Amino acid sequence: MPNVITDTSVVQYLYQLNLFDLLFNLYSQVIIPVGVASEISQGLALGVSLPNLNTFTWVKIVPV
């Protein structure tokens, strides 16, 4: 299966629709740029329903 690079919107909306695992089902690895991971962390800190990306072994956070 191919890898995919994603942005904040994809992560946020799939997670909030309880479909975040769809990324794992479609792709072998999900690559998230550090800036996107930072936005997700900031949203989590504000109480937005977002995933803790560090808990998913198939998510790889990478510098751009």
PDB file of N, CA and C in Angstrom:
ATOM      1  N   MET A   1       0.839  -1.185   0.000  1.00  0.00           N
ATOM      2  CA  MET A   1       0.000   0.000   0.000  1.00  0.00           C
ATOM      3  C   MET A   1       0.884   1.248   0.000  1.00  0.00           C
ATOM      4  N   PRO A   2       0.417   2.307  -0.620  1.00  0.00           N
ATOM      5  CA  PRO A   2       1.205   3.543  -0.668  1.00  0.00           C
ATOM      6  C   PRO A   2       1.122   4.325   0.644  1.00  0.00           C
ATOM      7  N   ASN A   3       2.037   5.268   0.766  1.00  0.00           N
ATOM      8  CA  ASN A   3       1.994   6.218   1.876  1.00  0.00           C
ATOM      9  C   ASN A   3       1.210   7.442   1.421  1.00  0.00           C
ATOM     10  N   VAL A   4       0.794   8.257   2.379  1.00  0.00           N
ATOM     11  CA  VAL A   4       0.074   9.475   2.048  1.00  0.00           C
ATOM     12  C   VAL A   4       0.528  10.588   2.986  1.00  0.00           C
ATOM     13  N   ILE A   5       0.558  11.805   2.470  1.00  0.00           N
ATOM     14  CA  ILE A   5       0.849  12.989   3.275  1.00  0.00           C
ATOM     15  C   ILE A   5      -0.468  13.713   3.473  1.00  0.00           C
ATOM     16  N   THR A   6      -0.739  14.128   4.702  1.00  0.00           N
ATOM     17  CA  THR A   6      -2.033  14.747   4.981  1.00  0.00           C
ATOM     18  C   THR A   6      -1.879  16.115   5.638  1.00  0.00           C
ATOM     19  N   ASP A   7      -2.962  16.859   5.601  1.00  0.00           N
ATOM     20  CA  ASP A   7      -2.985  18.164   6.257  1.00  0.00           C
ATOM     21  C   ASP A   7      -3.938  18.124   7.450  1.00  0.00           C
ATOM     22  N   THR A   8      -4.072  19.241   8.120  1.00  0.00           N
ATOM     23  CA  THR A   8      -4.859  19.312   9.351  1.00  0.00           C
ATOM     24  C   THR A   8      -6.333  18.983   9.123  1.00  0.00           C
ATOM     25  N   SER A   9      -6.907  19.477   8.051  1.00  0.00           N
ATOM     26  CA  SER A   9      -8.335  19.274   7.807  1.00  0.00           C
ATOM     27  C   SER A   9      -8.699  17.804   7.695  1.00  0.00           C
ATOM     28  N   VAL A  10      -7.910  17.053   6.965  1.00  0.00           N
ATOM     29  CA  VAL A  10      -8.177  15.617   6.801  1.00  0.00           C
ATOM     30  C   VAL A  10      -8.157  14.918   8.151  1.00  0.00           C
ATOM     31  N   VAL A  11      -7.121  15.194   8.945  1.00  0.00           N
ATOM     32  CA  VAL A  11      -6.994  14.576  10.268  1.00  0.00           C
ATOM     33  C   VAL A  11      -8.173  14.967  11.150  1.00  0.00           C
ATOM     34  N   GLN A  12      -8.472  16.245  11.191  1.00  0.00           N
ATOM     35  CA  GLN A  12      -9.538  16.741  12.070  1.00  0.00           C
ATOM     36  C   GLN A  12     -10.890  16.142  11.714  1.00  0.00           C
ATOM     37  N   TYR A  13     -11.270  16.239  10.464  1.00  0.00           N
ATOM     38  CA  TYR A  13     -12.628  15.824  10.099  1.00  0.00           C
ATOM     39  C   TYR A  13     -12.804  14.314  10.136  1.00  0.00           C
ATOM     40  N   LEU A  14     -11.810  13.562   9.689  1.00  0.00           N
ATOM     41  CA  LEU A  14     -11.939  12.098   9.785  1.00  0.00           C
ATOM     42  C   LEU A  14     -12.004  11.660  11.245  1.00  0.00           C
ATOM     43  N   TYR A  15     -11.223  12.291  12.098  1.00  0.00           N
ATOM     44  CA  TYR A  15     -11.254  11.936  13.519  1.00  0.00           C
ATOM     45  C   TYR A  15     -12.620  12.276  14.135  1.00  0.00           C
ATOM     46  N   GLN A  16     -13.125  13.438  13.835  1.00  0.00           N
ATOM     47  CA  GLN A  16     -14.403  13.864  14.411  1.00  0.00           C
ATOM     48  C   GLN A  16     -15.588  13.057  13.876  1.00  0.00           C
ATOM     49  N   LEU A  17     -15.429  12.447  12.720  1.00  0.00           N
ATOM     50  CA  LEU A  17     -16.460  11.573  12.160  1.00  0.00           C
ATOM     51  C   LEU A  17     -16.241  10.104  12.540  1.00  0.00           C
ATOM     52  N   ASN A  18     -15.268   9.866  13.425  1.00  0.00           N
ATOM     53  CA  ASN A  18     -14.895   8.501  13.833  1.00  0.00           C
ATOM     54  C   ASN A  18     -14.464   7.647  12.650  1.00  0.00           C
ATOM     55  N   LEU A  19     -13.788   8.277  11.700  1.00  0.00           N
ATOM     56  CA  LEU A  19     -13.295   7.581  10.511  1.00  0.00           C
ATOM     57  C   LEU A  19     -11.782   7.705  10.356  1.00  0.00           C
ATOM     58  N   PHE A  20     -11.094   8.093  11.414  1.00  0.00           N
ATOM     59  CA  PHE A  20      -9.644   8.316  11.322  1.00  0.00           C
ATOM     60  C   PHE A  20      -8.909   7.040  10.914  1.00  0.00           C
ATOM     61  N   ASP A  21      -9.397   5.881  11.347  1.00  0.00           N
ATOM     62  CA  ASP A  21      -8.758   4.608  10.986  1.00  0.00           C
ATOM     63  C   ASP A  21      -8.876   4.296   9.501  1.00  0.00           C
ATOM     64  N   LEU A  22      -9.739   5.012   8.809  1.00  0.00           N
ATOM     65  CA  LEU A  22      -9.844   4.837   7.366  1.00  0.00           C
ATOM     66  C   LEU A  22      -8.498   5.093   6.691  1.00  0.00           C
ATOM     67  N   LEU A  23      -7.748   6.058   7.213  1.00  0.00           N
ATOM     68  CA  LEU A  23      -6.415   6.335   6.662  1.00  0.00           C
ATOM     69  C   LEU A  23      -5.514   5.109   6.777  1.00  0.00           C
ATOM     70  N   PHE A  24      -5.572   4.438   7.911  1.00  0.00           N
ATOM     71  CA  PHE A  24      -4.768   3.227   8.123  1.00  0.00           C
ATOM     72  C   PHE A  24      -5.225   2.107   7.191  1.00  0.00           C
ATOM     73  N   ASN A  25      -6.519   2.020   6.954  1.00  0.00           N
ATOM     74  CA  ASN A  25      -7.045   0.975   6.077  1.00  0.00           C
ATOM     75  C   ASN A  25      -6.677   1.194   4.616  1.00  0.00           C
ATOM     76  N   LEU A  26      -6.480   2.439   4.235  1.00  0.00           N
ATOM     77  CA  LEU A  26      -6.173   2.763   2.842  1.00  0.00           C
ATOM     78  C   LEU A  26      -4.680   2.894   2.547  1.00  0.00           C
ATOM     79  N   TYR A  27      -3.906   3.281   3.576  1.00  0.00           N
ATOM     80  CA  TYR A  27      -2.483   3.567   3.354  1.00  0.00           C
ATOM     81  C   TYR A  27      -1.627   2.853   4.394  1.00  0.00           C
ATOM     82  N   SER A  28      -0.434   2.465   3.985  1.00  0.00           N
ATOM     83  CA  SER A  28       0.446   1.756   4.923  1.00  0.00           C
ATOM     84  C   SER A  28       1.018   2.695   5.979  1.00  0.00           C
ATOM     85  N   GLN A  29       1.200   3.935   5.620  1.00  0.00           N
ATOM     86  CA  GLN A  29       1.716   4.915   6.574  1.00  0.00           C
ATOM     87  C   GLN A  29       1.165   6.292   6.237  1.00  0.00           C
ATOM     88  N   VAL A  30       0.805   7.051   7.261  1.00  0.00           N
ATOM     89  CA  VAL A  30       0.309   8.403   7.078  1.00  0.00           C
ATOM     90  C   VAL A  30       1.405   9.357   7.543  1.00  0.00           C
ATOM     91  N   ILE A  31       1.860  10.198   6.637  1.00  0.00           N
ATOM     92  CA  ILE A  31       2.935  11.139   6.930  1.00  0.00           C
ATOM     93  C   ILE A  31       2.311  12.497   7.222  1.00  0.00           C
ATOM     94  N   ILE A  32       2.682  13.049   8.375  1.00  0.00           N
ATOM     95  CA  ILE A  32       2.145  14.338   8.799  1.00  0.00           C
ATOM     96  C   ILE A  32       3.310  15.307   9.028  1.00  0.00           C
ATOM     97  N   PRO A  33       3.322  16.434   8.315  1.00  0.00           N
ATOM     98  CA  PRO A  33       4.375  17.425   8.530  1.00  0.00           C
ATOM     99  C   PRO A  33       4.327  17.977   9.963  1.00  0.00           C
ATOM    100  N   VAL A  34       5.478  18.393  10.464  1.00  0.00           N
ATOM    101  CA  VAL A  34       5.601  18.914  11.825  1.00  0.00           C
ATOM    102  C   VAL A  34       4.629  20.076  12.053  1.00  0.00           C
ATOM    103  N   GLY A  35       4.471  20.943  11.068  1.00  0.00           N
ATOM    104  CA  GLY A  35       3.557  22.078  11.207  1.00  0.00           C
ATOM    105  C   GLY A  35       2.115  21.640  11.419  1.00  0.00           C
ATOM    106  N   VAL A  36       1.717  20.593  10.729  1.00  0.00           N
ATOM    107  CA  VAL A  36       0.366  20.052  10.896  1.00  0.00           C
ATOM    108  C   VAL A  36       0.223  19.438  12.283  1.00  0.00           C
ATOM    109  N   ALA A  37       1.237  18.682  12.704  1.00  0.00           N
ATOM    110  CA  ALA A  37       1.218  18.080  14.048  1.00  0.00           C
ATOM    111  C   ALA A  37       1.125  19.164  15.117  1.00  0.00           C
ATOM    112  N   SER A  38       1.792  20.279  14.890  1.00  0.00           N
ATOM    113  CA  SER A  38       1.743  21.400  15.828  1.00  0.00           C
ATOM    114  C   SER A  38       0.335  21.991  15.902  1.00  0.00           C
ATOM    115  N   GLU A  39      -0.312  22.146  14.750  1.00  0.00           N
ATOM    116  CA  GLU A  39      -1.693  22.654  14.739  1.00  0.00           C
ATOM    117  C   GLU A  39      -2.628  21.700  15.479  1.00  0.00           C
ATOM    118  N   ILE A  40      -2.443  20.415  15.284  1.00  0.00           N
ATOM    119  CA  ILE A  40      -3.267  19.414  15.974  1.00  0.00           C
ATOM    120  C   ILE A  40      -3.044  19.516  17.486  1.00  0.00           C
ATOM    121  N   SER A  41      -1.796  19.646  17.903  1.00  0.00           N
ATOM    122  CA  SER A  41      -1.478  19.766  19.338  1.00  0.00           C
ATOM    123  C   SER A  41      -2.100  21.022  19.941  1.00  0.00           C
ATOM    124  N   GLN A  42      -2.038  22.125  19.206  1.00  0.00           N
ATOM    125  CA  GLN A  42      -2.637  23.369  19.692  1.00  0.00           C
ATOM    126  C   GLN A  42      -4.151  23.233  19.833  1.00  0.00           C
ATOM    127  N   GLY A  43      -4.773  22.590  18.877  1.00  0.00           N
ATOM    128  CA  GLY A  43      -6.207  22.358  18.956  1.00  0.00           C
ATOM    129  C   GLY A  43      -6.575  21.474  20.131  1.00  0.00           C
ATOM    130  N   LEU A  44      -5.779  20.429  20.365  1.00  0.00           N
ATOM    131  CA  LEU A  44      -6.003  19.556  21.523  1.00  0.00           C
ATOM    132  C   LEU A  44      -5.932  20.352  22.817  1.00  0.00           C
ATOM    133  N   ALA A  45      -4.946  21.247  22.898  1.00  0.00           N
ATOM    134  CA  ALA A  45      -4.772  22.058  24.102  1.00  0.00           C
ATOM    135  C   ALA A  45      -5.968  22.989  24.334  1.00  0.00           C
ATOM    136  N   LEU A  46      -6.643  23.352  23.252  1.00  0.00           N
ATOM    137  CA  LEU A  46      -7.827  24.218  23.363  1.00  0.00           C
ATOM    138  C   LEU A  46      -9.114  23.424  23.586  1.00  0.00           C
ATOM    139  N   GLY A  47      -8.998  22.108  23.597  1.00  0.00           N
ATOM    140  CA  GLY A  47     -10.165  21.269  23.854  1.00  0.00           C
ATOM    141  C   GLY A  47     -10.911  20.794  22.618  1.00  0.00           C
ATOM    142  N   VAL A  48     -10.333  20.999  21.448  1.00  0.00           N
ATOM    143  CA  VAL A  48     -10.957  20.523  20.212  1.00  0.00           C
ATOM    144  C   VAL A  48     -10.793  19.007  20.145  1.00  0.00           C
ATOM    145  N   SER A  49     -11.797  18.329  19.641  1.00  0.00           N
ATOM    146  CA  SER A  49     -11.755  16.877  19.511  1.00  0.00           C
ATOM    147  C   SER A  49     -10.807  16.490  18.372  1.00  0.00           C
ATOM    148  N   LEU A  50      -9.577  16.162  18.738  1.00  0.00           N
ATOM    149  CA  LEU A  50      -8.529  15.798  17.788  1.00  0.00           C
ATOM    150  C   LEU A  50      -7.742  14.617  18.338  1.00  0.00           C
ATOM    151  N   PRO A  51      -7.100  13.857  17.460  1.00  0.00           N
ATOM    152  CA  PRO A  51      -6.341  12.698  17.940  1.00  0.00           C
ATOM    153  C   PRO A  51      -4.995  13.096  18.533  1.00  0.00           C
ATOM    154  N   ASN A  52      -4.520  12.284  19.468  1.00  0.00           N
ATOM    155  CA  ASN A  52      -3.138  12.407  19.927  1.00  0.00           C
ATOM    156  C   ASN A  52      -2.318  11.589  18.937  1.00  0.00           C
ATOM    157  N   LEU A  53      -1.646  12.252  18.036  1.00  0.00           N
ATOM    158  CA  LEU A  53      -0.964  11.589  16.929  1.00  0.00           C
ATOM    159  C   LEU A  53       0.122  10.621  17.382  1.00  0.00           C
ATOM    160  N   ASN A  54       0.673  10.842  18.561  1.00  0.00           N
ATOM    161  CA  ASN A  54       1.749   9.971  19.053  1.00  0.00           C
ATOM    162  C   ASN A  54       1.264   8.579  19.435  1.00  0.00           C
ATOM    163  N   THR A  55      -0.038   8.379  19.514  1.00  0.00           N
ATOM    164  CA  THR A  55      -0.565   7.075  19.912  1.00  0.00           C
ATOM    165  C   THR A  55      -0.807   6.140  18.726  1.00  0.00           C
ATOM    166  N   PHE A  56      -0.597   6.622  17.526  1.00  0.00           N
ATOM    167  CA  PHE A  56      -0.834   5.815  16.329  1.00  0.00           C
ATOM    168  C   PHE A  56       0.502   5.418  15.702  1.00  0.00           C
ATOM    169  N   THR A  57       0.778   4.127  15.678  1.00  0.00           N
ATOM    170  CA  THR A  57       2.058   3.639  15.150  1.00  0.00           C
ATOM    171  C   THR A  57       2.184   3.845  13.649  1.00  0.00           C
ATOM    172  N   TRP A  58       1.079   4.000  12.964  1.00  0.00           N
ATOM    173  CA  TRP A  58       1.094   4.157  11.513  1.00  0.00           C
ATOM    174  C   TRP A  58       1.172   5.621  11.083  1.00  0.00           C
ATOM    175  N   VAL A  59       1.250   6.533  12.038  1.00  0.00           N
ATOM    176  CA  VAL A  59       1.408   7.957  11.752  1.00  0.00           C
ATOM    177  C   VAL A  59       2.879   8.327  11.948  1.00  0.00           C
ATOM    178  N   LYS A  60       3.454   8.975  10.955  1.00  0.00           N
ATOM    179  CA  LYS A  60       4.843   9.415  11.039  1.00  0.00           C
ATOM    180  C   LYS A  60       4.889  10.926  10.885  1.00  0.00           C
ATOM    181  N   ILE A  61       5.409  11.607  11.909  1.00  0.00           N
ATOM    182  CA  ILE A  61       5.543  13.067  11.867  1.00  0.00           C
ATOM    183  C   ILE A  61       6.939  13.389  11.338  1.00  0.00           C
ATOM    184  N   VAL A  62       6.998  14.207  10.306  1.00  0.00           N
ATOM    185  CA  VAL A  62       8.286  14.499   9.650  1.00  0.00           C
ATOM    186  C   VAL A  62       8.460  16.005   9.439  1.00  0.00           C
ATOM    187  N   PRO A  63       9.723  16.470   9.485  1.00  0.00           N
ATOM    188  CA  PRO A  63       9.973  17.876   9.153  1.00  0.00           C
ATOM    189  C   PRO A  63       9.812  18.073   7.643  1.00  0.00           C
ATOM    190  N   VAL A  64       9.448  19.263   7.264  1.00  0.00           N
ATOM    191  CA  VAL A  64       9.276  19.557   5.827  1.00  0.00           C
ATOM    192  C   VAL A  64      10.619  19.875   5.236  1.00  0.00           C
TER     193      VAL A  64
END
